[in-house]
């Protein structure tokens, strides 16, 4: 299991809560293993993970996390590397 490329601590990425947190794979579904391998994950409180204001219920939050993760990855890797791993570009630039 790779550590998150997004966070060093164990707190909700969206609200900073430190209790009741759960691991969220940013690219989930068929890409869950890839997220695990490359550290494309964040900690979220239960409300932000499984609740109505989380990435599984709100597409805008899902896309925000995907964009932030891609931007973080591209600080040390190329866009081409990201596209090879994920198969899609989430950034507008």
PDB file of N, CA and C in Angstrom:
ATOM      1  N   UNK A   1       0.830  -1.188   0.000  1.00  0.00           N
ATOM      2  CA  UNK A   1       0.000   0.000   0.000  1.00  0.00           C
ATOM      3  C   UNK A   1       0.871   1.247   0.000  1.00  0.00           C
ATOM      4  N   UNK A   2       0.661   2.080  -0.999  1.00  0.00           N
ATOM      5  CA  UNK A   2       1.396   3.336  -1.073  1.00  0.00           C
ATOM      6  C   UNK A   2       0.727   4.382  -0.191  1.00  0.00           C
ATOM      7  N   UNK A   3       1.531   5.270   0.353  1.00  0.00           N
ATOM      8  CA  UNK A   3       0.989   6.386   1.125  1.00  0.00           C
ATOM      9  C   UNK A   3       0.369   7.388   0.166  1.00  0.00           C
ATOM     10  N   UNK A   4      -0.535   8.177   0.674  1.00  0.00           N
ATOM     11  CA  UNK A   4      -1.197   9.204  -0.121  1.00  0.00           C
ATOM     12  C   UNK A   4      -0.190  10.220  -0.646  1.00  0.00           C
ATOM     13  N   UNK A   5      -0.332  10.587  -1.901  1.00  0.00           N
ATOM     14  CA  UNK A   5       0.492  11.680  -2.434  1.00  0.00           C
ATOM     15  C   UNK A   5      -0.129  13.032  -2.077  1.00  0.00           C
ATOM     16  N   UNK A   6      -1.341  12.996  -1.543  1.00  0.00           N
ATOM     17  CA  UNK A   6      -2.084  14.221  -1.240  1.00  0.00           C
ATOM     18  C   UNK A   6      -1.917  14.692   0.204  1.00  0.00           C
ATOM     19  N   UNK A   7      -1.717  13.778   1.134  1.00  0.00           N
ATOM     20  CA  UNK A   7      -1.666  14.126   2.559  1.00  0.00           C
ATOM     21  C   UNK A   7      -0.571  13.347   3.260  1.00  0.00           C
ATOM     22  N   UNK A   8      -0.056  13.943   4.317  1.00  0.00           N
ATOM     23  CA  UNK A   8       0.891  13.224   5.166  1.00  0.00           C
ATOM     24  C   UNK A   8       0.238  12.786   6.464  1.00  0.00           C
ATOM     25  N   UNK A   9      -0.800  13.487   6.891  1.00  0.00           N
ATOM     26  CA  UNK A   9      -1.489  13.165   8.134  1.00  0.00           C
ATOM     27  C   UNK A   9      -2.802  12.457   7.899  1.00  0.00           C
ATOM     28  N   UNK A  10      -3.371  11.969   8.987  1.00  0.00           N
ATOM     29  CA  UNK A  10      -4.627  11.227   8.932  1.00  0.00           C
ATOM     30  C   UNK A  10      -5.747  12.123   9.465  1.00  0.00           C
ATOM     31  N   UNK A  11      -6.329  12.924   8.551  1.00  0.00           N
ATOM     32  CA  UNK A  11      -7.401  13.855   8.866  1.00  0.00           C
ATOM     33  C   UNK A  11      -8.254  14.015   7.602  1.00  0.00           C
ATOM     34  N   UNK A  12      -9.481  14.470   7.769  1.00  0.00           N
ATOM     35  CA  UNK A  12     -10.358  14.653   6.610  1.00  0.00           C
ATOM     36  C   UNK A  12      -9.776  15.730   5.699  1.00  0.00           C
ATOM     37  N   UNK A  13      -9.560  15.374   4.478  1.00  0.00           N
ATOM     38  CA  UNK A  13      -8.993  16.293   3.493  1.00  0.00           C
ATOM     39  C   UNK A  13      -9.900  17.493   3.250  1.00  0.00           C
ATOM     40  N   UNK A  14     -11.188  17.326   3.453  1.00  0.00           N
ATOM     41  CA  UNK A  14     -12.149  18.390   3.162  1.00  0.00           C
ATOM     42  C   UNK A  14     -12.495  19.269   4.363  1.00  0.00           C
ATOM     43  N   UNK A  15     -12.469  18.716   5.570  1.00  0.00           N
ATOM     44  CA  UNK A  15     -12.861  19.526   6.738  1.00  0.00           C
ATOM     45  C   UNK A  15     -11.864  19.464   7.893  1.00  0.00           C
ATOM     46  N   UNK A  16     -10.831  18.674   7.774  1.00  0.00           N
ATOM     47  CA  UNK A  16      -9.760  18.534   8.775  1.00  0.00           C
ATOM     48  C   UNK A  16     -10.152  17.760  10.029  1.00  0.00           C
ATOM     49  N   UNK A  17     -11.342  17.174  10.061  1.00  0.00           N
ATOM     50  CA  UNK A  17     -11.744  16.357  11.223  1.00  0.00           C
ATOM     51  C   UNK A  17     -10.767  15.193  11.369  1.00  0.00           C
ATOM     52  N   UNK A  18     -10.475  14.826  12.600  1.00  0.00           N
ATOM     53  CA  UNK A  18      -9.508  13.747  12.843  1.00  0.00           C
ATOM     54  C   UNK A  18     -10.150  12.476  13.381  1.00  0.00           C
ATOM     55  N   UNK A  19     -11.433  12.491  13.631  1.00  0.00           N
ATOM     56  CA  UNK A  19     -12.107  11.298  14.138  1.00  0.00           C
ATOM     57  C   UNK A  19     -13.067  10.752  13.091  1.00  0.00           C
ATOM     58  N   UNK A  20     -13.260   9.451  13.122  1.00  0.00           N
ATOM     59  CA  UNK A  20     -14.187   8.803  12.201  1.00  0.00           C
ATOM     60  C   UNK A  20     -13.801   8.948  10.741  1.00  0.00           C
ATOM     61  N   UNK A  21     -12.515   8.881  10.462  1.00  0.00           N
ATOM     62  CA  UNK A  21     -12.078   9.066   9.076  1.00  0.00           C
ATOM     63  C   UNK A  21     -11.917   7.734   8.361  1.00  0.00           C
ATOM     64  N   UNK A  22     -12.050   7.801   7.042  1.00  0.00           N
ATOM     65  CA  UNK A  22     -11.991   6.619   6.187  1.00  0.00           C
ATOM     66  C   UNK A  22     -11.119   6.928   4.966  1.00  0.00           C
ATOM     67  N   UNK A  23     -10.481   5.910   4.452  1.00  0.00           N
ATOM     68  CA  UNK A  23      -9.643   6.087   3.270  1.00  0.00           C
ATOM     69  C   UNK A  23     -10.510   6.132   2.005  1.00  0.00           C
ATOM     70  N   UNK A  24     -10.247   7.113   1.162  1.00  0.00           N
ATOM     71  CA  UNK A  24     -10.977   7.238  -0.104  1.00  0.00           C
ATOM     72  C   UNK A  24      -9.997   7.136  -1.260  1.00  0.00           C
ATOM     73  N   UNK A  25     -10.245   6.211  -2.170  1.00  0.00           N
ATOM     74  CA  UNK A  25      -9.452   6.075  -3.386  1.00  0.00           C
ATOM     75  C   UNK A  25     -10.024   7.046  -4.414  1.00  0.00           C
ATOM     76  N   UNK A  26      -9.218   8.007  -4.830  1.00  0.00           N
ATOM     77  CA  UNK A  26      -9.688   9.088  -5.683  1.00  0.00           C
ATOM     78  C   UNK A  26     -10.189   8.576  -7.031  1.00  0.00           C
ATOM     79  N   UNK A  27      -9.472   7.654  -7.604  1.00  0.00           N
ATOM     80  CA  UNK A  27      -9.919   7.009  -8.840  1.00  0.00           C
ATOM     81  C   UNK A  27     -10.410   5.638  -8.412  1.00  0.00           C
ATOM     82  N   UNK A  28     -11.715   5.503  -8.252  1.00  0.00           N
ATOM     83  CA  UNK A  28     -12.278   4.291  -7.657  1.00  0.00           C
ATOM     84  C   UNK A  28     -12.883   3.394  -8.735  1.00  0.00           C
ATOM     85  N   UNK A  29     -13.626   2.419  -8.328  1.00  0.00           N
ATOM     86  CA  UNK A  29     -14.187   1.452  -9.275  1.00  0.00           C
ATOM     87  C   UNK A  29     -13.072   0.609  -9.855  1.00  0.00           C
ATOM     88  N   UNK A  30     -13.017   0.525 -11.168  1.00  0.00           N
ATOM     89  CA  UNK A  30     -11.998  -0.300 -11.825  1.00  0.00           C
ATOM     90  C   UNK A  30     -10.584   0.245 -11.646  1.00  0.00           C
ATOM     91  N   UNK A  31     -10.458   1.500 -11.209  1.00  0.00           N
ATOM     92  CA  UNK A  31      -9.132   2.114 -11.010  1.00  0.00           C
ATOM     93  C   UNK A  31      -8.682   2.093  -9.548  1.00  0.00           C
ATOM     94  N   UNK A  32      -9.422   1.411  -8.703  1.00  0.00           N
ATOM     95  CA  UNK A  32      -9.106   1.389  -7.268  1.00  0.00           C
ATOM     96  C   UNK A  32      -7.700   0.843  -7.004  1.00  0.00           C
ATOM     97  N   UNK A  33      -7.338  -0.236  -7.653  1.00  0.00           N
ATOM     98  CA  UNK A  33      -5.998  -0.824  -7.460  1.00  0.00           C
ATOM     99  C   UNK A  33      -4.902   0.139  -7.897  1.00  0.00           C
ATOM    100  N   UNK A  34      -5.158   0.862  -8.976  1.00  0.00           N
ATOM    101  CA  UNK A  34      -4.184   1.842  -9.455  1.00  0.00           C
ATOM    102  C   UNK A  34      -4.041   2.969  -8.440  1.00  0.00           C
ATOM    103  N   UNK A  35      -5.157   3.424  -7.877  1.00  0.00           N
ATOM    104  CA  UNK A  35      -5.103   4.455  -6.835  1.00  0.00           C
ATOM    105  C   UNK A  35      -4.292   3.969  -5.644  1.00  0.00           C
ATOM    106  N   UNK A  36      -4.495   2.728  -5.261  1.00  0.00           N
ATOM    107  CA  UNK A  36      -3.753   2.153  -4.131  1.00  0.00           C
ATOM    108  C   UNK A  36      -2.260   2.094  -4.449  1.00  0.00           C
ATOM    109  N   UNK A  37      -1.924   1.635  -5.617  1.00  0.00           N
ATOM    110  CA  UNK A  37      -0.519   1.485  -6.024  1.00  0.00           C
ATOM    111  C   UNK A  37       0.228   2.813  -6.066  1.00  0.00           C
ATOM    112  N   UNK A  38      -0.437   3.860  -6.554  1.00  0.00           N
ATOM    113  CA  UNK A  38       0.232   5.150  -6.759  1.00  0.00           C
ATOM    114  C   UNK A  38      -0.037   6.175  -5.664  1.00  0.00           C
ATOM    115  N   UNK A  39      -0.830   5.819  -4.671  1.00  0.00           N
ATOM    116  CA  UNK A  39      -1.118   6.745  -3.580  1.00  0.00           C
ATOM    117  C   UNK A  39      -2.144   7.808  -3.931  1.00  0.00           C
ATOM    118  N   UNK A  40      -3.016   7.487  -4.883  1.00  0.00           N
ATOM    119  CA  UNK A  40      -4.074   8.424  -5.278  1.00  0.00           C
ATOM    120  C   UNK A  40      -5.252   8.256  -4.327  1.00  0.00           C
ATOM    121  N   UNK A  41      -5.066   8.705  -3.095  1.00  0.00           N
ATOM    122  CA  UNK A  41      -6.092   8.542  -2.074  1.00  0.00           C
ATOM    123  C   UNK A  41      -5.965   9.638  -1.027  1.00  0.00           C
ATOM    124  N   UNK A  42      -7.065   9.864  -0.336  1.00  0.00           N
ATOM    125  CA  UNK A  42      -7.107  10.839   0.750  1.00  0.00           C
ATOM    126  C   UNK A  42      -7.927  10.245   1.890  1.00  0.00           C
ATOM    127  N   UNK A  43      -7.768  10.829   3.067  1.00  0.00           N
ATOM    128  CA  UNK A  43      -8.616  10.479   4.202  1.00  0.00           C
ATOM    129  C   UNK A  43      -9.799  11.426   4.201  1.00  0.00           C
ATOM    130  N   UNK A  44     -10.987  10.882   4.438  1.00  0.00           N
ATOM    131  CA  UNK A  44     -12.203  11.685   4.542  1.00  0.00           C
ATOM    132  C   UNK A  44     -12.983  11.240   5.770  1.00  0.00           C
ATOM    133  N   UNK A  45     -13.664  12.192   6.429  1.00  0.00           N
ATOM    134  CA  UNK A  45     -14.556  11.800   7.518  1.00  0.00           C
ATOM    135  C   UNK A  45     -15.732  11.040   6.892  1.00  0.00           C
ATOM    136  N   UNK A  46     -16.466  10.306   7.706  1.00  0.00           N
ATOM    137  CA  UNK A  46     -17.579   9.500   7.188  1.00  0.00           C
ATOM    138  C   UNK A  46     -18.585  10.357   6.432  1.00  0.00           C
ATOM    139  N   UNK A  47     -18.865  11.565   6.932  1.00  0.00           N
ATOM    140  CA  UNK A  47     -19.808  12.461   6.262  1.00  0.00           C
ATOM    141  C   UNK A  47     -19.328  12.839   4.857  1.00  0.00           C
ATOM    142  N   UNK A  48     -18.037  13.133   4.736  1.00  0.00           N
ATOM    143  CA  UNK A  48     -17.499  13.531   3.435  1.00  0.00           C
ATOM    144  C   UNK A  48     -17.165  12.338   2.548  1.00  0.00           C
ATOM    145  N   UNK A  49     -17.119  11.158   3.097  1.00  0.00           N
ATOM    146  CA  UNK A  49     -16.836   9.982   2.273  1.00  0.00           C
ATOM    147  C   UNK A  49     -18.115   9.335   1.760  1.00  0.00           C
ATOM    148  N   UNK A  50     -19.005   9.010   2.672  1.00  0.00           N
ATOM    149  CA  UNK A  50     -20.222   8.285   2.306  1.00  0.00           C
ATOM    150  C   UNK A  50     -21.485   9.126   2.362  1.00  0.00           C
ATOM    151  N   UNK A  51     -21.380  10.332   2.891  1.00  0.00           N
ATOM    152  CA  UNK A  51     -22.553  11.192   3.041  1.00  0.00           C
ATOM    153  C   UNK A  51     -22.919  11.942   1.775  1.00  0.00           C
ATOM    154  N   UNK A  52     -23.907  12.790   1.891  1.00  0.00           N
ATOM    155  CA  UNK A  52     -24.404  13.547   0.738  1.00  0.00           C
ATOM    156  C   UNK A  52     -23.418  14.578   0.212  1.00  0.00           C
ATOM    157  N   UNK A  53     -22.415  14.934   1.000  1.00  0.00           N
ATOM    158  CA  UNK A  53     -21.428  15.924   0.571  1.00  0.00           C
ATOM    159  C   UNK A  53     -20.082  15.301   0.246  1.00  0.00           C
ATOM    160  N   UNK A  54     -20.107  14.076  -0.213  1.00  0.00           N
ATOM    161  CA  UNK A  54     -18.878  13.372  -0.531  1.00  0.00           C
ATOM    162  C   UNK A  54     -18.753  13.042  -2.007  1.00  0.00           C
ATOM    163  N   UNK A  55     -17.599  12.542  -2.409  1.00  0.00           N
ATOM    164  CA  UNK A  55     -17.329  12.264  -3.820  1.00  0.00           C
ATOM    165  C   UNK A  55     -18.188  11.163  -4.429  1.00  0.00           C
ATOM    166  N   UNK A  56     -18.742  10.288  -3.613  1.00  0.00           N
ATOM    167  CA  UNK A  56     -19.585   9.227  -4.167  1.00  0.00           C
ATOM    168  C   UNK A  56     -21.005   9.711  -4.467  1.00  0.00           C
ATOM    169  N   UNK A  57     -21.369  10.872  -3.910  1.00  0.00           N
ATOM    170  CA  UNK A  57     -22.707  11.427  -4.127  1.00  0.00           C
ATOM    171  C   UNK A  57     -22.696  12.726  -4.929  1.00  0.00           C
ATOM    172  N   UNK A  58     -21.599  13.459  -4.858  1.00  0.00           N
ATOM    173  CA  UNK A  58     -21.529  14.768  -5.525  1.00  0.00           C
ATOM    174  C   UNK A  58     -20.392  14.784  -6.536  1.00  0.00           C
ATOM    175  N   UNK A  59     -20.748  14.826  -7.785  1.00  0.00           N
ATOM    176  CA  UNK A  59     -19.768  14.776  -8.878  1.00  0.00           C
ATOM    177  C   UNK A  59     -18.774  15.935  -8.793  1.00  0.00           C
ATOM    178  N   UNK A  60     -19.218  17.096  -8.348  1.00  0.00           N
ATOM    179  CA  UNK A  60     -18.325  18.245  -8.266  1.00  0.00           C
ATOM    180  C   UNK A  60     -17.176  17.974  -7.283  1.00  0.00           C
ATOM    181  N   UNK A  61     -17.446  17.303  -6.192  1.00  0.00           N
ATOM    182  CA  UNK A  61     -16.395  16.962  -5.221  1.00  0.00           C
ATOM    183  C   UNK A  61     -15.498  15.868  -5.782  1.00  0.00           C
ATOM    184  N   UNK A  62     -16.095  14.895  -6.438  1.00  0.00           N
ATOM    185  CA  UNK A  62     -15.328  13.829  -7.088  1.00  0.00           C
ATOM    186  C   UNK A  62     -14.334  14.428  -8.078  1.00  0.00           C
ATOM    187  N   UNK A  63     -14.804  15.320  -8.936  1.00  0.00           N
ATOM    188  CA  UNK A  63     -13.930  15.931  -9.941  1.00  0.00           C
ATOM    189  C   UNK A  63     -12.873  16.828  -9.307  1.00  0.00           C
ATOM    190  N   UNK A  64     -13.233  17.537  -8.250  1.00  0.00           N
ATOM    191  CA  UNK A  64     -12.255  18.377  -7.554  1.00  0.00           C
ATOM    192  C   UNK A  64     -11.091  17.527  -7.043  1.00  0.00           C
ATOM    193  N   UNK A  65     -11.393  16.417  -6.387  1.00  0.00           N
ATOM    194  CA  UNK A  65     -10.334  15.545  -5.866  1.00  0.00           C
ATOM    195  C   UNK A  65      -9.491  14.960  -6.997  1.00  0.00           C
ATOM    196  N   UNK A  66     -10.124  14.589  -8.091  1.00  0.00           N
ATOM    197  CA  UNK A  66      -9.389  14.049  -9.242  1.00  0.00           C
ATOM    198  C   UNK A  66      -8.440  15.096  -9.822  1.00  0.00           C
ATOM    199  N   UNK A  67      -8.915  16.330  -9.956  1.00  0.00           N
ATOM    200  CA  UNK A  67      -8.078  17.402 -10.494  1.00  0.00           C
ATOM    201  C   UNK A  67      -6.912  17.722  -9.564  1.00  0.00           C
ATOM    202  N   UNK A  68      -7.193  17.818  -8.267  1.00  0.00           N
ATOM    203  CA  UNK A  68      -6.124  18.123  -7.310  1.00  0.00           C
ATOM    204  C   UNK A  68      -5.079  17.009  -7.285  1.00  0.00           C
ATOM    205  N   UNK A  69      -5.532  15.786  -7.378  1.00  0.00           N
ATOM    206  CA  UNK A  69      -4.608  14.655  -7.379  1.00  0.00           C
ATOM    207  C   UNK A  69      -3.738  14.668  -8.641  1.00  0.00           C
ATOM    208  N   UNK A  70      -4.347  14.894  -9.778  1.00  0.00           N
ATOM    209  CA  UNK A  70      -3.569  14.939 -11.019  1.00  0.00           C
ATOM    210  C   UNK A  70      -2.541  16.061 -10.962  1.00  0.00           C
ATOM    211  N   UNK A  71      -2.957  17.232 -10.479  1.00  0.00           N
ATOM    212  CA  UNK A  71      -2.034  18.363 -10.379  1.00  0.00           C
ATOM    213  C   UNK A  71      -0.848  18.015  -9.461  1.00  0.00           C
ATOM    214  N   UNK A  72      -1.132  17.365  -8.339  1.00  0.00           N
ATOM    215  CA  UNK A  72      -0.074  16.964  -7.400  1.00  0.00           C
ATOM    216  C   UNK A  72       0.876  15.960  -8.073  1.00  0.00           C
ATOM    217  N   UNK A  73       0.325  14.968  -8.763  1.00  0.00           N
ATOM    218  CA  UNK A  73       1.136  13.966  -9.456  1.00  0.00           C
ATOM    219  C   UNK A  73       2.037  14.623 -10.496  1.00  0.00           C
ATOM    220  N   UNK A  74       1.489  15.599 -11.210  1.00  0.00           N
ATOM    221  CA  UNK A  74       2.242  16.244 -12.282  1.00  0.00           C
ATOM    222  C   UNK A  74       3.316  17.206 -11.783  1.00  0.00           C
ATOM    223  N   UNK A  75       3.410  17.408 -10.485  1.00  0.00           N
ATOM    224  CA  UNK A  75       4.523  18.190  -9.943  1.00  0.00           C
ATOM    225  C   UNK A  75       5.835  17.423 -10.063  1.00  0.00           C
ATOM    226  N   UNK A  76       5.749  16.100 -10.103  1.00  0.00           N
ATOM    227  CA  UNK A  76       6.957  15.274 -10.181  1.00  0.00           C
ATOM    228  C   UNK A  76       6.949  14.314 -11.369  1.00  0.00           C
ATOM    229  N   UNK A  77       5.865  14.319 -12.149  1.00  0.00           N
ATOM    230  CA  UNK A  77       5.738  13.431 -13.302  1.00  0.00           C
ATOM    231  C   UNK A  77       5.124  14.212 -14.460  1.00  0.00           C
ATOM    232  N   UNK A  78       5.118  13.615 -15.620  1.00  0.00           N
ATOM    233  CA  UNK A  78       4.550  14.276 -16.803  1.00  0.00           C
ATOM    234  C   UNK A  78       3.065  13.961 -16.962  1.00  0.00           C
ATOM    235  N   UNK A  79       2.425  14.778 -17.766  1.00  0.00           N
ATOM    236  CA  UNK A  79       1.022  14.534 -18.110  1.00  0.00           C
ATOM    237  C   UNK A  79       0.896  13.201 -18.847  1.00  0.00           C
ATOM    238  N   UNK A  80       1.868  12.907 -19.673  1.00  0.00           N
ATOM    239  CA  UNK A  80       1.850  11.648 -20.418  1.00  0.00           C
ATOM    240  C   UNK A  80       1.881  10.451 -19.470  1.00  0.00           C
ATOM    241  N   UNK A  81       2.675  10.547 -18.397  1.00  0.00           N
ATOM    242  CA  UNK A  81       2.712   9.464 -17.412  1.00  0.00           C
ATOM    243  C   UNK A  81       1.361   9.292 -16.733  1.00  0.00           C
ATOM    244  N   UNK A  82       0.729  10.423 -16.391  1.00  0.00           N
ATOM    245  CA  UNK A  82      -0.581  10.359 -15.759  1.00  0.00           C
ATOM    246  C   UNK A  82      -1.591   9.719 -16.700  1.00  0.00           C
ATOM    247  N   UNK A  83      -1.581  10.142 -17.947  1.00  0.00           N
ATOM    248  CA  UNK A  83      -2.522   9.607 -18.936  1.00  0.00           C
ATOM    249  C   UNK A  83      -2.304   8.106 -19.143  1.00  0.00           C
ATOM    250  N   UNK A  84      -1.071   7.668 -19.091  1.00  0.00           N
ATOM    251  CA  UNK A  84      -0.782   6.240 -19.246  1.00  0.00           C
ATOM    252  C   UNK A  84      -1.362   5.444 -18.076  1.00  0.00           C
ATOM    253  N   UNK A  85      -1.309   6.020 -16.872  1.00  0.00           N
ATOM    254  CA  UNK A  85      -1.806   5.338 -15.662  1.00  0.00           C
ATOM    255  C   UNK A  85      -3.325   5.385 -15.580  1.00  0.00           C
ATOM    256  N   UNK A  86      -3.915   6.567 -15.739  1.00  0.00           N
ATOM    257  CA  UNK A  86      -5.347   6.779 -15.516  1.00  0.00           C
ATOM    258  C   UNK A  86      -6.158   6.719 -16.818  1.00  0.00           C
ATOM    259  N   UNK A  87      -5.572   7.128 -17.917  1.00  0.00           N
ATOM    260  CA  UNK A  87      -6.257   7.057 -19.206  1.00  0.00           C
ATOM    261  C   UNK A  87      -7.138   8.247 -19.526  1.00  0.00           C
ATOM    262  N   UNK A  88      -7.036   9.297 -18.697  1.00  0.00           N
ATOM    263  CA  UNK A  88      -7.869  10.479 -18.912  1.00  0.00           C
ATOM    264  C   UNK A  88      -7.218  11.688 -18.253  1.00  0.00           C
ATOM    265  N   UNK A  89      -7.382  12.845 -18.890  1.00  0.00           N
ATOM    266  CA  UNK A  89      -6.907  14.104 -18.341  1.00  0.00           C
ATOM    267  C   UNK A  89      -8.080  14.814 -17.661  1.00  0.00           C
ATOM    268  N   UNK A  90      -7.895  15.232 -16.410  1.00  0.00           N
ATOM    269  CA  UNK A  90      -8.950  15.946 -15.680  1.00  0.00           C
ATOM    270  C   UNK A  90      -8.697  17.444 -15.609  1.00  0.00           C
ATOM    271  N   UNK A  91      -7.569  17.908 -16.106  1.00  0.00           N
ATOM    272  CA  UNK A  91      -7.223  19.320 -16.018  1.00  0.00           C
ATOM    273  C   UNK A  91      -7.578  20.066 -17.300  1.00  0.00           C
ATOM    274  N   UNK A  92      -7.900  21.332 -17.152  1.00  0.00           N
ATOM    275  CA  UNK A  92      -8.302  22.154 -18.292  1.00  0.00           C
ATOM    276  C   UNK A  92      -7.128  22.737 -19.061  1.00  0.00           C
ATOM    277  N   UNK A  93      -5.978  22.822 -18.431  1.00  0.00           N
ATOM    278  CA  UNK A  93      -4.821  23.451 -19.077  1.00  0.00           C
ATOM    279  C   UNK A  93      -4.030  22.486 -19.928  1.00  0.00           C
TER     280      UNK A  93
END
